[in-house]
Amino acid sequence: MFAVHSVWEWLAFFAIIGFMLVLDLGVFHKKSHKVSIKESLAWTAVWITLAMLFNAWVYHSMGAQKGLEFLTGYVIEKALSVDNIFVISLIFTYFRVPSQYQHRVLFWGVLGALFFRIIFIFAGVALIEKFNWMIYVFGGFLIFTGLKMLKEEEKHIEVEANPLIKFVKKFWKISPNFDGENFRTTVNGVRHFTPLFLVLIMIETTDIIFAVDSIPAILAITPDPYIVFTSNVFAILGLRSLYFALNGIMEMFEYINYALSGILVFVGIKMIIAPWYHFPTIISIGIIVGMLVASVIASIYFPKKNKKMPKPQV
């Protein structure tokens, strides 16, 4: 599973990501501040550019097929992250997280997400390699999830139902107020976790739920763990800046769920029929991008009447 790519390829990738994360939090976001749309768009452009440069390197060093697989995986993860952004917005709204602290929560949330994605990706690849029939399980799950998404009219969060939130509240003290960007604080000489820590837990568990959909979706494109992981990581690292860029206009994408549903069903079918027919990667990415573009156009020119914004429910 690891032998396909050299240790140096893995080390080079982690070195690039590590440098960018240090630069992000240690230099540009060393002090907490409200991230402006201009700043978020700039960082979104930086992450997309880095992903495309890496894609170009994959294309030239590993071949056109690997390059297209990376691009398709990146587009799928980026598309599915739009739904994740919506839920993150609900979490921040529910906990009334000040704008200037949101970036720090998302930064540490992303680090946690990378850890869990590594586990999910290599576990998924190992399962498919050892048990060929797992490809049908993953494919069926994606189709089921895609069809289920069509019935979801409203997104909501259930904070008290989260098992990790229950665990933290049972064994540790939670302060009623924020203490700047700190996850822990002292109240009357006693150490407490702050509400910001609960927000971090909610975001981490939300990402795990979304990973259950996105990882099998990318495995339908390629079983290569290096391509799956690198495309996934680049998409996730751009999630924070994309959140700040899109948060204010999320309500415009009224039909995005139809596109995401179609993508999951498509890749699920693609995975199931893979033993008999292999969809050319260029056609797959064309279908995926086409569904996303169609949903955006429909949202702009055919807005729903009497639209109501979803509200968090507890």
Protein backbone atom coordinates (compact mmCIF):
# COMPACT_ATOMS: atom_id res chain seq x y z
CA MET A 1 0.00 0.00 0.00
CA PHE A 2 2.85 2.40 0.82
CA ALA A 3 5.37 0.96 -1.65
CA VAL A 4 3.88 2.68 -4.68
CA HIS A 5 5.33 6.01 -3.59
CA SER A 6 8.72 6.75 -2.09
CA VAL A 7 9.29 8.00 1.43
CA TRP A 8 10.67 11.22 -0.06
CA GLU A 9 7.39 11.92 -1.85
CA TRP A 10 5.52 11.62 1.44
CA LEU A 11 8.10 13.69 3.36
CA ALA A 12 8.10 16.43 0.69
CA PHE A 13 4.31 16.68 0.85
CA PHE A 14 4.23 16.90 4.66
CA ALA A 15 7.06 19.47 4.60
CA ILE A 16 5.04 21.72 2.26
CA ILE A 17 1.88 21.39 4.35
CA GLY A 18 3.77 21.92 7.62
CA PHE A 19 5.45 25.06 6.30
CA MET A 20 2.13 26.52 5.11
CA LEU A 21 0.40 25.81 8.43
CA VAL A 22 3.20 27.47 10.41
CA LEU A 23 3.09 30.43 8.03
CA ASP A 24 -0.69 30.63 8.35
CA LEU A 25 -1.07 30.54 12.14
CA GLY A 26 2.39 31.71 13.22
CA VAL A 27 2.72 34.71 10.89
CA PHE A 28 -0.47 35.85 9.16
CA HIS A 29 -2.91 34.90 11.94
CA LYS A 30 -0.67 35.24 14.98
CA LYS A 31 -3.12 37.73 16.50
CA SER A 32 -6.82 36.99 16.60
CA HIS A 33 -8.82 39.19 14.24
CA LYS A 34 -11.95 39.11 12.14
CA VAL A 35 -11.12 37.59 8.76
CA SER A 36 -12.32 39.90 6.00
CA ILE A 37 -13.80 38.70 2.73
CA LYS A 38 -10.79 40.15 0.90
CA GLU A 39 -8.36 38.23 3.12
CA SER A 40 -10.35 35.00 2.86
CA LEU A 41 -10.52 35.24 -0.93
CA ALA A 42 -6.76 35.83 -1.05
CA TRP A 43 -6.07 32.74 1.07
CA THR A 44 -8.58 30.72 -0.95
CA ALA A 45 -6.65 31.67 -4.08
CA VAL A 46 -3.36 30.70 -2.39
CA TRP A 47 -4.61 27.22 -1.43
CA ILE A 48 -6.19 26.57 -4.83
CA THR A 49 -2.98 27.70 -6.57
CA LEU A 50 -0.86 25.42 -4.37
CA ALA A 51 -3.21 22.52 -5.10
CA MET A 52 -3.01 23.13 -8.84
CA LEU A 53 0.79 23.42 -8.72
CA PHE A 54 0.94 20.12 -6.84
CA ASN A 55 -1.50 18.68 -9.39
CA ALA A 56 0.85 19.79 -12.18
CA TRP A 57 3.77 18.06 -10.42
CA VAL A 58 1.72 14.85 -10.07
CA TYR A 59 0.76 15.07 -13.76
CA HIS A 60 4.36 15.42 -14.96
CA SER A 61 6.03 13.03 -12.51
CA MET A 62 3.40 10.29 -12.25
CA GLY A 63 1.53 10.58 -15.53
CA ALA A 64 -1.67 12.07 -16.91
CA GLN A 65 -3.93 9.45 -15.29
CA LYS A 66 -2.65 10.21 -11.76
CA GLY A 67 -2.95 13.93 -12.47
CA LEU A 68 -6.60 13.56 -13.47
CA GLU A 69 -7.29 11.35 -10.45
CA PHE A 70 -5.86 14.00 -8.12
CA LEU A 71 -7.91 16.74 -9.79
CA THR A 72 -11.13 14.70 -9.63
CA GLY A 73 -10.56 13.82 -5.97
CA TYR A 74 -9.84 17.46 -5.17
CA VAL A 75 -13.01 18.67 -6.91
CA ILE A 76 -15.17 16.05 -5.16
CA GLU A 77 -13.81 16.92 -1.71
CA LYS A 78 -14.12 20.64 -2.42
CA ALA A 79 -17.73 20.20 -3.51
CA LEU A 80 -18.69 18.11 -0.49
CA SER A 81 -17.00 20.63 1.82
CA VAL A 82 -19.68 23.19 0.89
CA ASP A 83 -22.15 21.19 2.98
CA ASN A 84 -19.59 21.08 5.77
CA ILE A 85 -19.24 24.87 5.62
CA PHE A 86 -22.98 25.27 6.12
CA VAL A 87 -22.92 23.13 9.29
CA ILE A 88 -19.85 24.97 10.63
CA SER A 89 -21.77 28.22 10.18
CA LEU A 90 -24.65 26.79 12.25
CA ILE A 91 -22.23 25.73 15.01
CA PHE A 92 -20.64 29.18 15.22
CA THR A 93 -24.08 30.78 15.24
CA TYR A 94 -25.40 28.47 17.96
CA PHE A 95 -22.45 29.13 20.28
CA ARG A 96 -22.27 32.82 19.28
CA VAL A 97 -18.54 32.55 18.59
CA PRO A 98 -17.00 36.02 18.01
CA SER A 99 -15.68 36.42 14.45
CA GLN A 100 -12.11 37.06 15.59
CA TYR A 101 -11.86 33.62 17.26
CA GLN A 102 -13.35 31.53 14.45
CA HIS A 103 -10.12 31.16 12.47
CA ARG A 104 -8.22 29.65 15.41
CA VAL A 105 -10.96 27.08 16.04
CA LEU A 106 -10.99 26.11 12.37
CA PHE A 107 -7.18 25.88 12.32
CA TRP A 108 -7.06 23.32 15.14
CA GLY A 109 -10.15 21.66 13.73
CA VAL A 110 -8.31 21.13 10.45
CA LEU A 111 -5.32 19.56 12.22
CA GLY A 112 -7.65 17.11 13.93
CA ALA A 113 -9.38 16.44 10.61
CA LEU A 114 -6.03 15.56 8.97
CA PHE A 115 -5.33 13.00 11.69
CA PHE A 116 -8.69 11.27 11.27
CA ARG A 117 -8.52 11.42 7.46
CA ILE A 118 -5.21 9.51 7.53
CA ILE A 119 -6.88 6.74 9.54
CA PHE A 120 -9.99 6.61 7.34
CA ILE A 121 -8.10 6.68 4.04
CA PHE A 122 -5.63 3.91 4.81
CA ALA A 123 -8.30 1.83 6.52
CA GLY A 124 -10.53 2.21 3.46
CA VAL A 125 -7.74 1.27 1.04
CA ALA A 126 -6.77 -1.73 3.18
CA LEU A 127 -10.37 -2.96 3.35
CA ILE A 128 -10.82 -2.74 -0.43
CA GLU A 129 -7.50 -4.49 -1.06
CA LYS A 130 -8.25 -7.33 1.39
CA PHE A 131 -11.99 -7.65 0.83
CA ASN A 132 -12.95 -6.88 -2.77
CA TRP A 133 -16.65 -6.98 -1.90
CA MET A 134 -16.19 -3.85 0.26
CA ILE A 135 -16.28 -1.83 -2.95
CA TYR A 136 -19.98 -2.69 -3.24
CA VAL A 137 -20.58 -1.73 0.40
CA PHE A 138 -18.94 1.68 -0.10
CA GLY A 139 -20.76 2.20 -3.39
CA GLY A 140 -24.14 1.29 -1.89
CA PHE A 141 -23.50 3.57 1.08
CA LEU A 142 -22.74 6.52 -1.20
CA ILE A 143 -25.93 5.95 -3.20
CA PHE A 144 -27.97 5.70 0.01
CA THR A 145 -26.39 8.88 1.40
CA GLY A 146 -26.95 10.76 -1.85
CA LEU A 147 -30.64 9.81 -2.01
CA LYS A 148 -31.09 10.61 1.68
CA MET A 149 -29.60 14.07 1.11
CA LEU A 150 -32.47 14.89 -1.27
CA LYS A 151 -34.95 14.58 1.59
CA GLU A 152 -33.06 16.91 3.92
CA GLU A 153 -34.93 20.20 3.77
CA GLU A 154 -33.25 21.70 6.78
CA LYS A 155 -29.88 21.37 8.48
CA HIS A 156 -29.70 21.48 12.25
CA ILE A 157 -27.29 20.71 15.04
CA GLU A 158 -27.96 18.76 18.21
CA VAL A 159 -25.32 19.84 20.70
CA GLU A 160 -26.59 17.92 23.71
CA ALA A 161 -26.86 14.71 21.65
CA ASN A 162 -23.14 14.76 20.80
CA PRO A 163 -21.50 11.97 22.89
CA LEU A 164 -18.20 13.84 23.23
CA ILE A 165 -20.00 16.96 24.46
CA LYS A 166 -21.81 14.79 27.04
CA PHE A 167 -18.49 13.24 28.11
CA VAL A 168 -16.75 16.60 28.54
CA LYS A 169 -19.65 18.11 30.49
CA LYS A 170 -19.85 15.05 32.74
CA PHE A 171 -16.19 14.93 33.78
CA TRP A 172 -14.95 18.51 33.33
CA LYS A 173 -16.17 21.95 34.26
CA ILE A 174 -17.27 24.31 31.47
CA SER A 175 -17.09 28.06 31.96
CA PRO A 176 -20.21 30.01 30.94
CA ASN A 177 -18.22 32.64 29.04
CA PHE A 178 -15.43 32.85 26.46
CA ASP A 179 -11.93 33.77 27.57
CA GLY A 180 -10.51 35.27 24.40
CA GLU A 181 -9.24 32.55 22.08
CA ASN A 182 -8.37 30.18 24.94
CA PHE A 183 -9.77 26.67 25.18
CA ARG A 184 -9.16 26.61 28.95
CA THR A 185 -9.56 29.26 31.61
CA THR A 186 -9.58 29.73 35.38
CA VAL A 187 -12.79 30.57 37.25
CA ASN A 188 -12.46 31.28 41.00
CA GLY A 189 -9.15 29.44 41.03
CA VAL A 190 -10.57 26.34 39.31
CA ARG A 191 -9.60 25.27 35.78
CA HIS A 192 -12.48 25.16 33.29
CA PHE A 193 -12.86 24.44 29.60
CA THR A 194 -14.35 27.33 27.67
CA PRO A 195 -17.30 27.18 25.24
CA LEU A 196 -14.70 27.53 22.47
CA PHE A 197 -13.48 24.04 23.34
CA LEU A 198 -17.01 22.68 22.90
CA VAL A 199 -17.12 24.37 19.49
CA LEU A 200 -13.87 22.62 18.54
CA ILE A 201 -15.34 19.25 19.57
CA MET A 202 -18.47 19.87 17.48
CA ILE A 203 -16.41 20.81 14.42
CA GLU A 204 -14.15 17.76 14.80
CA THR A 205 -17.08 15.34 15.09
CA THR A 206 -18.84 17.04 12.18
CA ASP A 207 -15.77 16.51 9.99
CA ILE A 208 -15.63 12.84 10.96
CA ILE A 209 -19.24 12.47 9.80
CA PHE A 210 -18.48 14.18 6.49
CA ALA A 211 -15.34 12.08 6.04
CA VAL A 212 -17.50 8.95 6.07
CA ASP A 213 -19.04 10.25 2.81
CA SER A 214 -16.07 11.92 1.16
CA ILE A 215 -13.41 9.23 1.64
CA PRO A 216 -15.39 6.45 -0.13
CA ALA A 217 -16.27 8.98 -2.84
CA ILE A 218 -12.61 9.61 -3.62
CA LEU A 219 -11.76 5.92 -3.31
CA ALA A 220 -14.23 5.42 -6.16
CA ILE A 221 -11.87 7.51 -8.30
CA THR A 222 -8.58 5.89 -7.26
CA PRO A 223 -7.35 3.37 -4.65
CA ASP A 224 -3.93 5.10 -4.54
CA PRO A 225 -3.57 6.31 -0.91
CA TYR A 226 -1.08 9.04 -1.89
CA ILE A 227 -3.46 10.60 -4.43
CA VAL A 228 -6.48 10.19 -2.14
CA PHE A 229 -4.71 11.70 0.86
CA THR A 230 -2.99 14.62 -0.88
CA SER A 231 -6.11 15.69 -2.79
CA ASN A 232 -8.12 15.41 0.43
CA VAL A 233 -5.63 17.44 2.45
CA PHE A 234 -5.40 20.28 -0.06
CA ALA A 235 -9.19 20.53 -0.16
CA ILE A 236 -9.46 20.49 3.66
CA LEU A 237 -6.73 23.08 4.17
CA GLY A 238 -8.60 25.46 1.90
CA LEU A 239 -11.81 24.86 3.86
CA ARG A 240 -11.14 27.61 6.44
CA SER A 241 -10.59 30.40 3.92
CA LEU A 242 -13.47 29.09 1.80
CA TYR A 243 -15.73 29.26 4.87
CA PHE A 244 -15.00 32.94 5.45
CA ALA A 245 -15.41 33.67 1.74
CA LEU A 246 -18.72 31.83 1.30
CA ASN A 247 -20.37 32.14 4.72
CA GLY A 248 -22.13 35.39 3.84
CA ILE A 249 -23.59 34.08 0.57
CA MET A 250 -24.33 30.44 1.48
CA GLU A 251 -28.08 31.05 1.24
CA MET A 252 -27.66 31.76 -2.49
CA PHE A 253 -26.77 28.12 -3.23
CA GLU A 254 -30.32 26.82 -2.90
CA TYR A 255 -29.84 23.84 -5.21
CA ILE A 256 -26.36 22.78 -4.09
CA ASN A 257 -27.78 19.77 -2.21
CA TYR A 258 -29.15 18.39 -5.49
CA ALA A 259 -25.67 18.59 -7.02
CA LEU A 260 -24.00 17.00 -3.98
CA SER A 261 -26.64 14.27 -3.96
CA GLY A 262 -26.04 13.63 -7.66
CA ILE A 263 -22.28 13.48 -7.14
CA LEU A 264 -22.57 10.90 -4.34
CA VAL A 265 -25.00 8.74 -6.33
CA PHE A 266 -22.80 8.97 -9.44
CA VAL A 267 -19.58 7.95 -7.69
CA GLY A 268 -21.48 5.22 -5.83
CA ILE A 269 -22.71 3.73 -9.12
CA LYS A 270 -19.23 4.20 -10.60
CA MET A 271 -17.74 2.23 -7.71
CA ILE A 272 -20.27 -0.62 -7.98
CA ILE A 273 -19.88 -1.12 -11.75
CA ALA A 274 -16.08 -0.72 -11.67
CA PRO A 275 -15.42 -4.49 -12.10
CA TRP A 276 -17.30 -4.41 -15.43
CA TYR A 277 -16.90 -0.86 -16.67
CA HIS A 278 -14.38 1.86 -15.80
CA PHE A 279 -15.57 5.42 -16.31
CA PRO A 280 -12.78 7.48 -17.95
CA THR A 281 -11.55 9.94 -15.32
CA ILE A 282 -11.94 12.92 -17.66
CA ILE A 283 -15.62 12.05 -18.15
CA SER A 284 -16.12 11.64 -14.39
CA ILE A 285 -14.72 15.07 -13.62
CA GLY A 286 -16.81 16.56 -16.45
CA ILE A 287 -20.01 15.10 -14.97
CA ILE A 288 -19.13 16.27 -11.44
CA VAL A 289 -18.24 19.82 -12.49
CA GLY A 290 -21.30 19.92 -14.75
CA MET A 291 -23.64 19.12 -11.85
CA LEU A 292 -22.04 21.79 -9.66
CA VAL A 293 -22.24 24.45 -12.38
CA ALA A 294 -25.86 23.52 -13.13
CA SER A 295 -26.82 23.89 -9.45
CA VAL A 296 -25.18 27.33 -9.23
CA ILE A 297 -26.90 28.53 -12.44
CA ALA A 298 -30.26 27.20 -11.21
CA SER A 299 -29.76 28.95 -7.85
CA ILE A 300 -29.11 32.27 -9.59
CA TYR A 301 -31.82 32.19 -12.26
CA PHE A 302 -34.51 30.04 -10.61
CA PRO A 303 -34.54 30.97 -6.90
CA LYS A 304 -37.08 29.24 -4.72
CA LYS A 305 -40.09 31.19 -3.53
CA ASN A 306 -40.74 31.83 0.16
CA LYS A 307 -37.21 30.74 1.00
CA LYS A 308 -36.51 30.31 4.70
CA MET A 309 -33.05 30.12 6.17
CA PRO A 310 -32.46 27.02 8.28
CA LYS A 311 -32.10 27.60 12.00
CA PRO A 312 -30.11 25.54 14.48
CA GLN A 313 -32.26 23.24 16.61
CA VAL A 314 -31.28 21.77 19.93
